[in-house]
Amino acid sequence: MRYLILSDIHANWEAVQAIRAHVRRKRYDRVAFLGDAVGYGASPNRVLEWLRSLGSSLDVVRGNHDRVCSGLDSAEYFNRYARQAAEWTLEHLDGRNLEFLKSFQEGPVDLTDGVAICHGSSVDEDAYVFSAYDAQVAFAGIPHPLIFFGHTHVPSLFMLREDNGRQTLKVRLLTGRRLVLDLEPGNRYLINPGSVGQPRDRDPRASYAILDTEQQRIYLYRVTYRASVARRRILGAGLPPVLGDRLLYGA
């Protein structure tokens, strides 16, 4: 089974289009989405319509922006720009897409044997996994050997290895246009595929991954997209300019 792993689209339709074109020649059976379909960007309905079109081939967990932008949660803890974007999104979502967004499950969710997906951490959907300590907490939350997470917008890997009762944790930022990661038996992994629509690792390219469960291999890709067009949509919608400007720099 091959899974297309996506996270943190944030209503960036241009980034989605670029990934769809890039992945067209790569076989995949299902799509796993790690949350935050909307918020910040100006194309929430297009993004949600595409996700809805995937039907039963989509596995999805909700993100914090999905909850707030659908009215399920308050925006009081968002900064001013995120709050303005959430209010704009809720105002502009059509009825079917709003109900679809509300249906997203809280993670973690089992993807297949030994593989789970979540938005933040396995123990708290809003928690950020940046440090070795954060990863240890997430590993302790569920027993799965492989956990995909989003929320940080930074492609990263945490690998937990146990040897003669001693645990070691490896932390790695995932950079480059294409990476291949071979999963080693006996190890546990927390992997962030990066953000489709709001990268924050100083690389503005859209990020996604493919998991091949038979080969026990993960492919990570970065794809150039028309960020300037996405920025113009944000400005044209009257959203805060900073939300468009940072697309150009991956910040």
C-alpha atoms as a PDB file:
ATOM      1  CA  MET A   1       0.000   0.000   0.000  1.00  0.00           C
ATOM      2  CA  ARG A   2       1.224   3.472  -0.879  1.00  0.00           C
ATOM      3  CA  TYR A   3      -0.055   6.542   0.982  1.00  0.00           C
ATOM      4  CA  LEU A   4       0.212  10.151  -0.127  1.00  0.00           C
ATOM      5  CA  ILE A   5       0.892  12.032   3.130  1.00  0.00           C
ATOM      6  CA  LEU A   6      -0.142  15.695   3.247  1.00  0.00           C
ATOM      7  CA  SER A   7      -0.301  18.227   6.063  1.00  0.00           C
ATOM      8  CA  ASP A   8      -1.086  21.882   6.725  1.00  0.00           C
ATOM      9  CA  ILE A   9      -2.496  22.958   3.360  1.00  0.00           C
ATOM     10  CA  HIS A  10      -3.922  26.142   4.895  1.00  0.00           C
ATOM     11  CA  ALA A  11      -6.216  26.972   1.967  1.00  0.00           C
ATOM     12  CA  ASN A  12      -3.324  27.274  -0.499  1.00  0.00           C
ATOM     13  CA  TRP A  13      -4.809  25.953  -3.731  1.00  0.00           C
ATOM     14  CA  GLU A  14      -1.751  26.788  -5.842  1.00  0.00           C
ATOM     15  CA  ALA A  15       0.409  24.555  -3.630  1.00  0.00           C
ATOM     16  CA  VAL A  16      -2.136  21.726  -3.880  1.00  0.00           C
ATOM     17  CA  GLN A  17      -2.203  22.019  -7.656  1.00  0.00           C
ATOM     18  CA  ALA A  18       1.584  21.779  -7.835  1.00  0.00           C
ATOM     19  CA  ILE A  19       1.652  18.655  -5.680  1.00  0.00           C
ATOM     20  CA  ARG A  20      -1.147  17.041  -7.677  1.00  0.00           C
ATOM     21  CA  ALA A  21       0.852  17.628 -10.869  1.00  0.00           C
ATOM     22  CA  HIS A  22       4.087  16.383  -9.276  1.00  0.00           C
ATOM     23  CA  VAL A  23       2.558  13.207  -7.871  1.00  0.00           C
ATOM     24  CA  ARG A  24       0.651  12.333 -11.056  1.00  0.00           C
ATOM     25  CA  ARG A  25       3.321   9.870 -12.232  1.00  0.00           C
ATOM     26  CA  LYS A  26       3.833   8.360  -8.792  1.00  0.00           C
ATOM     27  CA  ARG A  27       1.485   5.577  -7.766  1.00  0.00           C
ATOM     28  CA  TYR A  28      -0.460   5.908  -4.525  1.00  0.00           C
ATOM     29  CA  ASP A  29      -3.540   4.131  -3.193  1.00  0.00           C
ATOM     30  CA  ARG A  30      -4.814   6.429  -0.451  1.00  0.00           C
ATOM     31  CA  VAL A  31      -4.365   9.953   0.859  1.00  0.00           C
ATOM     32  CA  ALA A  32      -3.637  10.683   4.522  1.00  0.00           C
ATOM     33  CA  PHE A  33      -4.177  14.283   5.605  1.00  0.00           C
ATOM     34  CA  LEU A  34      -2.746  15.455   8.932  1.00  0.00           C
ATOM     35  CA  GLY A  35      -4.932  18.496   9.498  1.00  0.00           C
ATOM     36  CA  ASP A  36      -5.218  22.257   8.938  1.00  0.00           C
ATOM     37  CA  ALA A  37      -6.872  22.246   5.545  1.00  0.00           C
ATOM     38  CA  VAL A  38      -7.844  25.887   5.987  1.00  0.00           C
ATOM     39  CA  GLY A  39      -6.799  29.095   7.712  1.00  0.00           C
ATOM     40  CA  TYR A  40      -4.373  31.765   6.455  1.00  0.00           C
ATOM     41  CA  GLY A  41      -5.018  31.166   2.740  1.00  0.00           C
ATOM     42  CA  ALA A  42      -7.711  32.465   0.399  1.00  0.00           C
ATOM     43  CA  SER A  43      -8.933  29.232  -1.250  1.00  0.00           C
ATOM     44  CA  PRO A  44     -10.648  27.212   1.498  1.00  0.00           C
ATOM     45  CA  ASN A  45     -13.559  26.035  -0.648  1.00  0.00           C
ATOM     46  CA  ARG A  46     -11.343  24.773  -3.484  1.00  0.00           C
ATOM     47  CA  VAL A  47      -9.139  22.866  -1.066  1.00  0.00           C
ATOM     48  CA  LEU A  48     -12.065  21.290   0.780  1.00  0.00           C
ATOM     49  CA  GLU A  49     -13.864  20.400  -2.447  1.00  0.00           C
ATOM     50  CA  TRP A  50     -10.763  18.529  -3.593  1.00  0.00           C
ATOM     51  CA  LEU A  51     -10.426  16.693  -0.280  1.00  0.00           C
ATOM     52  CA  ARG A  52     -14.136  15.803  -0.389  1.00  0.00           C
ATOM     53  CA  SER A  53     -13.699  14.439  -3.916  1.00  0.00           C
ATOM     54  CA  LEU A  54     -11.291  11.812  -2.564  1.00  0.00           C
ATOM     55  CA  GLY A  55     -14.196  10.077  -0.856  1.00  0.00           C
ATOM     56  CA  SER A  56     -13.383   6.852   0.957  1.00  0.00           C
ATOM     57  CA  SER A  57      -9.730   6.963  -0.147  1.00  0.00           C
ATOM     58  CA  LEU A  58      -9.072   9.800   2.331  1.00  0.00           C
ATOM     59  CA  ASP A  59      -7.903   9.363   5.924  1.00  0.00           C
ATOM     60  CA  VAL A  60      -7.982  12.644   7.837  1.00  0.00           C
ATOM     61  CA  VAL A  61      -7.466  14.169  11.260  1.00  0.00           C
ATOM     62  CA  ARG A  62      -8.381  17.693  12.220  1.00  0.00           C
ATOM     63  CA  GLY A  63      -6.040  20.552  13.032  1.00  0.00           C
ATOM     64  CA  ASN A  64      -6.511  23.527  15.312  1.00  0.00           C
ATOM     65  CA  HIS A  65      -7.335  25.819  12.373  1.00  0.00           C
ATOM     66  CA  ASP A  66      -9.945  23.336  11.138  1.00  0.00           C
ATOM     67  CA  ARG A  67     -11.700  23.516  14.510  1.00  0.00           C
ATOM     68  CA  VAL A  68     -11.586  27.304  14.751  1.00  0.00           C
ATOM     69  CA  CYS A  69     -12.405  28.016  11.103  1.00  0.00           C
ATOM     70  CA  SER A  70     -15.464  25.756  11.305  1.00  0.00           C
ATOM     71  CA  GLY A  71     -16.754  27.397  14.472  1.00  0.00           C
ATOM     72  CA  LEU A  72     -16.122  24.372  16.681  1.00  0.00           C
ATOM     73  CA  ASP A  73     -13.606  26.239  18.811  1.00  0.00           C
ATOM     74  CA  SER A  74     -12.778  29.801  19.824  1.00  0.00           C
ATOM     75  CA  ALA A  75     -10.052  31.866  18.143  1.00  0.00           C
ATOM     76  CA  GLU A  76      -9.099  33.554  21.422  1.00  0.00           C
ATOM     77  CA  TYR A  77      -5.668  31.898  21.521  1.00  0.00           C
ATOM     78  CA  PHE A  78      -4.818  32.782  17.893  1.00  0.00           C
ATOM     79  CA  ASN A  79      -2.698  35.799  17.108  1.00  0.00           C
ATOM     80  CA  ARG A  80      -4.359  38.734  15.371  1.00  0.00           C
ATOM     81  CA  TYR A  81      -3.555  37.592  11.825  1.00  0.00           C
ATOM     82  CA  ALA A  82      -4.641  33.992  12.382  1.00  0.00           C
ATOM     83  CA  ARG A  83      -7.836  35.172  14.057  1.00  0.00           C
ATOM     84  CA  GLN A  84      -8.692  37.497  11.167  1.00  0.00           C
ATOM     85  CA  ALA A  85      -8.082  34.671   8.684  1.00  0.00           C
ATOM     86  CA  ALA A  86     -10.228  32.257  10.709  1.00  0.00           C
ATOM     87  CA  GLU A  87     -13.121  34.706  10.844  1.00  0.00           C
ATOM     88  CA  TRP A  88     -12.818  35.350   7.105  1.00  0.00           C
ATOM     89  CA  THR A  89     -12.757  31.598   6.388  1.00  0.00           C
ATOM     90  CA  LEU A  90     -15.842  30.832   8.462  1.00  0.00           C
ATOM     91  CA  GLU A  91     -17.685  33.641   6.679  1.00  0.00           C
ATOM     92  CA  HIS A  92     -16.736  32.363   3.206  1.00  0.00           C
ATOM     93  CA  LEU A  93     -17.108  28.581   3.553  1.00  0.00           C
ATOM     94  CA  ASP A  94     -20.089  27.131   1.719  1.00  0.00           C
ATOM     95  CA  GLY A  95     -22.446  24.828   3.601  1.00  0.00           C
ATOM     96  CA  ARG A  96     -21.209  21.461   2.330  1.00  0.00           C
ATOM     97  CA  ASN A  97     -17.583  22.332   2.918  1.00  0.00           C
ATOM     98  CA  LEU A  98     -18.324  23.638   6.393  1.00  0.00           C
ATOM     99  CA  GLU A  99     -20.028  20.389   7.375  1.00  0.00           C
ATOM    100  CA  PHE A 100     -17.211  18.383   5.826  1.00  0.00           C
ATOM    101  CA  LEU A 101     -14.646  20.366   7.820  1.00  0.00           C
ATOM    102  CA  LYS A 102     -16.597  19.797  11.030  1.00  0.00           C
ATOM    103  CA  SER A 103     -16.491  16.042  10.382  1.00  0.00           C
ATOM    104  CA  PHE A 104     -12.694  15.782  10.648  1.00  0.00           C
ATOM    105  CA  GLN A 105     -11.701  13.415  13.476  1.00  0.00           C
ATOM    106  CA  GLU A 106      -9.505  14.156  16.441  1.00  0.00           C
ATOM    107  CA  GLY A 107      -6.208  12.284  16.160  1.00  0.00           C
ATOM    108  CA  PRO A 108      -4.467   9.993  16.571  1.00  0.00           C
ATOM    109  CA  VAL A 109      -6.095   7.749  13.962  1.00  0.00           C
ATOM    110  CA  ASP A 110      -4.817   4.362  12.805  1.00  0.00           C
ATOM    111  CA  LEU A 111      -3.769   4.476   9.173  1.00  0.00           C
ATOM    112  CA  THR A 112      -2.735   0.844   8.770  1.00  0.00           C
ATOM    113  CA  ASP A 113      -1.038  -1.780  10.943  1.00  0.00           C
ATOM    114  CA  GLY A 114       1.544  -0.031  13.095  1.00  0.00           C
ATOM    115  CA  VAL A 115       1.021   3.405  11.515  1.00  0.00           C
ATOM    116  CA  ALA A 116      -0.905   6.311  13.037  1.00  0.00           C
ATOM    117  CA  ILE A 117      -1.551   9.922  12.050  1.00  0.00           C
ATOM    118  CA  CYS A 118      -2.129  12.968  14.235  1.00  0.00           C
ATOM    119  CA  HIS A 119      -1.961  16.727  13.885  1.00  0.00           C
ATOM    120  CA  GLY A 120       0.131  17.844  16.848  1.00  0.00           C
ATOM    121  CA  SER A 121       1.214  15.115  19.248  1.00  0.00           C
ATOM    122  CA  SER A 122      -0.271  11.694  19.903  1.00  0.00           C
ATOM    123  CA  VAL A 123      -1.282  12.896  23.379  1.00  0.00           C
ATOM    124  CA  ASP A 124      -2.539  16.397  22.483  1.00  0.00           C
ATOM    125  CA  GLU A 125      -3.727  17.461  19.048  1.00  0.00           C
ATOM    126  CA  ASP A 126      -2.599  21.056  19.726  1.00  0.00           C
ATOM    127  CA  ALA A 127       0.872  20.274  21.106  1.00  0.00           C
ATOM    128  CA  TYR A 128       3.955  21.018  19.024  1.00  0.00           C
ATOM    129  CA  VAL A 129       6.654  18.376  18.542  1.00  0.00           C
ATOM    130  CA  PHE A 130       9.893  20.308  18.167  1.00  0.00           C
ATOM    131  CA  SER A 131      12.265  18.840  20.748  1.00  0.00           C
ATOM    132  CA  ALA A 132      13.510  15.442  21.862  1.00  0.00           C
ATOM    133  CA  TYR A 133      11.378  15.803  24.991  1.00  0.00           C
ATOM    134  CA  ASP A 134       8.257  16.495  22.888  1.00  0.00           C
ATOM    135  CA  ALA A 135       9.021  13.380  20.846  1.00  0.00           C
ATOM    136  CA  GLN A 136       9.465  11.205  23.938  1.00  0.00           C
ATOM    137  CA  VAL A 137       6.033  12.293  25.165  1.00  0.00           C
ATOM    138  CA  ALA A 138       4.480  11.524  21.774  1.00  0.00           C
ATOM    139  CA  PHE A 139       6.150   8.105  21.575  1.00  0.00           C
ATOM    140  CA  ALA A 140       4.860   7.278  25.066  1.00  0.00           C
ATOM    141  CA  GLY A 141       1.305   8.197  24.080  1.00  0.00           C
ATOM    142  CA  ILE A 142       0.716   5.347  21.629  1.00  0.00           C
ATOM    143  CA  PRO A 143       2.612   2.134  20.782  1.00  0.00           C
ATOM    144  CA  HIS A 144       2.785   2.502  16.991  1.00  0.00           C
ATOM    145  CA  PRO A 145       6.215   2.101  15.373  1.00  0.00           C
ATOM    146  CA  LEU A 146       5.448   4.881  12.858  1.00  0.00           C
ATOM    147  CA  ILE A 147       3.576   8.111  13.603  1.00  0.00           C
ATOM    148  CA  PHE A 148       3.060  10.934  11.112  1.00  0.00           C
ATOM    149  CA  PHE A 149       2.352  14.377  12.542  1.00  0.00           C
ATOM    150  CA  GLY A 150       2.026  17.959  11.328  1.00  0.00           C
ATOM    151  CA  HIS A 151       1.384  21.327  13.014  1.00  0.00           C
ATOM    152  CA  THR A 152       5.002  22.590  13.120  1.00  0.00           C
ATOM    153  CA  HIS A 153       5.260  23.087   9.335  1.00  0.00           C
ATOM    154  CA  VAL A 154       8.847  21.788   9.498  1.00  0.00           C
ATOM    155  CA  PRO A 155       9.846  18.486   7.818  1.00  0.00           C
ATOM    156  CA  SER A 156      11.521  16.478  10.561  1.00  0.00           C
ATOM    157  CA  LEU A 157      12.255  13.004  11.862  1.00  0.00           C
ATOM    158  CA  PHE A 158      12.581  11.583  15.360  1.00  0.00           C
ATOM    159  CA  MET A 159      13.874   8.006  15.567  1.00  0.00           C
ATOM    160  CA  LEU A 160      13.747   6.033  18.806  1.00  0.00           C
ATOM    161  CA  ARG A 161      16.074   3.044  19.056  1.00  0.00           C
ATOM    162  CA  GLU A 162      16.339   0.572  21.918  1.00  0.00           C
ATOM    163  CA  ASP A 163      19.465  -1.540  22.309  1.00  0.00           C
ATOM    164  CA  ASN A 164      19.954  -3.817  25.314  1.00  0.00           C
ATOM    165  CA  GLY A 165      17.451  -1.813  27.314  1.00  0.00           C
ATOM    166  CA  ARG A 166      19.047   1.521  26.469  1.00  0.00           C
ATOM    167  CA  GLN A 167      17.089   4.041  24.427  1.00  0.00           C
ATOM    168  CA  THR A 168      18.604   6.579  22.067  1.00  0.00           C
ATOM    169  CA  LEU A 169      16.685   9.283  20.213  1.00  0.00           C
ATOM    170  CA  LYS A 170      17.892  10.714  16.918  1.00  0.00           C
ATOM    171  CA  VAL A 171      16.554  14.075  15.701  1.00  0.00           C
ATOM    172  CA  ARG A 172      16.898  15.154  12.071  1.00  0.00           C
ATOM    173  CA  LEU A 173      15.575  18.020   9.984  1.00  0.00           C
ATOM    174  CA  LEU A 174      14.558  16.812   6.537  1.00  0.00           C
ATOM    175  CA  THR A 175      15.873  19.070   3.780  1.00  0.00           C
ATOM    176  CA  GLY A 176      16.371  18.849   0.042  1.00  0.00           C
ATOM    177  CA  ARG A 177      14.294  18.386  -3.086  1.00  0.00           C
ATOM    178  CA  ARG A 178      13.974  14.601  -2.639  1.00  0.00           C
ATOM    179  CA  LEU A 179      14.789  12.321   0.265  1.00  0.00           C
ATOM    180  CA  VAL A 180      14.417   8.557   0.685  1.00  0.00           C
ATOM    181  CA  LEU A 181      14.061   7.167   4.207  1.00  0.00           C
ATOM    182  CA  ASP A 182      14.299   3.424   4.810  1.00  0.00           C
ATOM    183  CA  LEU A 183      12.527   2.317   7.983  1.00  0.00           C
ATOM    184  CA  GLU A 184      14.637  -0.037  10.083  1.00  0.00           C
ATOM    185  CA  PRO A 185      12.879  -2.900  11.909  1.00  0.00           C
ATOM    186  CA  GLY A 186      12.762  -2.434  15.659  1.00  0.00           C
ATOM    187  CA  ASN A 187      13.002   1.351  15.555  1.00  0.00           C
ATOM    188  CA  ARG A 188      10.146   3.779  16.134  1.00  0.00           C
ATOM    189  CA  TYR A 189       9.614   6.912  14.070  1.00  0.00           C
ATOM    190  CA  LEU A 190       7.846  10.255  14.378  1.00  0.00           C
ATOM    191  CA  ILE A 191       7.850  11.961  10.986  1.00  0.00           C
ATOM    192  CA  ASN A 192       6.575  15.341   9.900  1.00  0.00           C
ATOM    193  CA  PRO A 193       6.205  15.568   6.096  1.00  0.00           C
ATOM    194  CA  GLY A 194       6.249  19.375   6.234  1.00  0.00           C
ATOM    195  CA  SER A 195       3.565  21.785   5.124  1.00  0.00           C
ATOM    196  CA  VAL A 196       1.864  21.843   1.745  1.00  0.00           C
ATOM    197  CA  GLY A 197       0.738  25.442   1.919  1.00  0.00           C
ATOM    198  CA  GLN A 198       2.644  27.251   4.704  1.00  0.00           C
ATOM    199  CA  PRO A 199       6.268  25.996   4.938  1.00  0.00           C
ATOM    200  CA  ARG A 200       8.204  27.476   7.857  1.00  0.00           C
ATOM    201  CA  ASP A 201      11.710  26.074   7.422  1.00  0.00           C
ATOM    202  CA  ARG A 202      12.966  28.921   5.193  1.00  0.00           C
ATOM    203  CA  ASP A 203      12.198  26.824   2.115  1.00  0.00           C
ATOM    204  CA  PRO A 204       9.070  28.159   0.341  1.00  0.00           C
ATOM    205  CA  ARG A 205       8.486  24.995  -1.682  1.00  0.00           C
ATOM    206  CA  ALA A 206       5.447  22.828  -0.915  1.00  0.00           C
ATOM    207  CA  SER A 207       6.279  19.625   0.956  1.00  0.00           C
ATOM    208  CA  TYR A 208       4.740  16.148   0.934  1.00  0.00           C
ATOM    209  CA  ALA A 209       5.608  12.499   1.473  1.00  0.00           C
ATOM    210  CA  ILE A 210       4.752   9.053   0.149  1.00  0.00           C
ATOM    211  CA  LEU A 211       4.781   6.010   2.428  1.00  0.00           C
ATOM    212  CA  ASP A 212       5.322   2.595   0.834  1.00  0.00           C
ATOM    213  CA  THR A 213       4.294   0.031   3.446  1.00  0.00           C
ATOM    214  CA  GLU A 214       5.564  -2.954   1.461  1.00  0.00           C
ATOM    215  CA  GLN A 215       9.055  -1.526   0.955  1.00  0.00           C
ATOM    216  CA  GLN A 216       9.029   0.133   4.400  1.00  0.00           C
ATOM    217  CA  ARG A 217      10.233   3.301   2.733  1.00  0.00           C
ATOM    218  CA  ILE A 218       9.244   6.953   2.834  1.00  0.00           C
ATOM    219  CA  TYR A 219       9.844   9.444   0.038  1.00  0.00           C
ATOM    220  CA  LEU A 220       9.840  13.144   0.870  1.00  0.00           C
ATOM    221  CA  TYR A 221       9.519  15.771  -1.866  1.00  0.00           C
ATOM    222  CA  ARG A 222       9.698  19.569  -2.153  1.00  0.00           C
ATOM    223  CA  VAL A 223       7.830  21.171  -5.043  1.00  0.00           C
ATOM    224  CA  THR A 224       8.012  24.700  -6.407  1.00  0.00           C
ATOM    225  CA  TYR A 225       4.611  26.311  -6.854  1.00  0.00           C
ATOM    226  CA  ARG A 226       3.171  29.697  -7.822  1.00  0.00           C
ATOM    227  CA  ALA A 227       3.517  31.299  -4.411  1.00  0.00           C
ATOM    228  CA  SER A 228       3.164  34.765  -5.913  1.00  0.00           C
ATOM    229  CA  VAL A 229      -0.297  33.828  -7.214  1.00  0.00           C
ATOM    230  CA  ALA A 230      -1.335  32.480  -3.803  1.00  0.00           C
ATOM    231  CA  ARG A 231      -0.074  35.725  -2.290  1.00  0.00           C
ATOM    232  CA  ARG A 232      -2.129  37.812  -4.709  1.00  0.00           C
ATOM    233  CA  ARG A 233      -5.242  35.811  -3.792  1.00  0.00           C
ATOM    234  CA  ILE A 234      -4.635  36.562  -0.118  1.00  0.00           C
ATOM    235  CA  LEU A 235      -4.202  40.277  -0.799  1.00  0.00           C
ATOM    236  CA  GLY A 236      -7.246  40.314  -3.083  1.00  0.00           C
ATOM    237  CA  ALA A 237      -9.363  38.708  -0.378  1.00  0.00           C
ATOM    238  CA  GLY A 238      -8.469  41.476   2.040  1.00  0.00           C
ATOM    239  CA  LEU A 239      -6.580  39.139   4.361  1.00  0.00           C
ATOM    240  CA  PRO A 240      -3.530  40.448   6.278  1.00  0.00           C
ATOM    241  CA  PRO A 241      -0.645  40.988   3.813  1.00  0.00           C
ATOM    242  CA  VAL A 242       1.827  39.207   6.103  1.00  0.00           C
ATOM    243  CA  LEU A 243      -0.005  35.937   5.397  1.00  0.00           C
ATOM    244  CA  GLY A 244       0.853  36.286   1.715  1.00  0.00           C
ATOM    245  CA  ASP A 245       4.327  37.746   2.122  1.00  0.00           C
ATOM    246  CA  ARG A 246       5.645  34.844   4.163  1.00  0.00           C
ATOM    247  CA  LEU A 247       4.745  32.361   1.437  1.00  0.00           C
ATOM    248  CA  LEU A 248       7.580  33.816  -0.618  1.00  0.00           C
ATOM    249  CA  TYR A 249      10.200  33.012   2.018  1.00  0.00           C
ATOM    250  CA  GLY A 250       8.948  29.888   3.775  1.00  0.00           C
ATOM    251  CA  ALA A 251       8.747  31.743   7.075  1.00  0.00           C
END
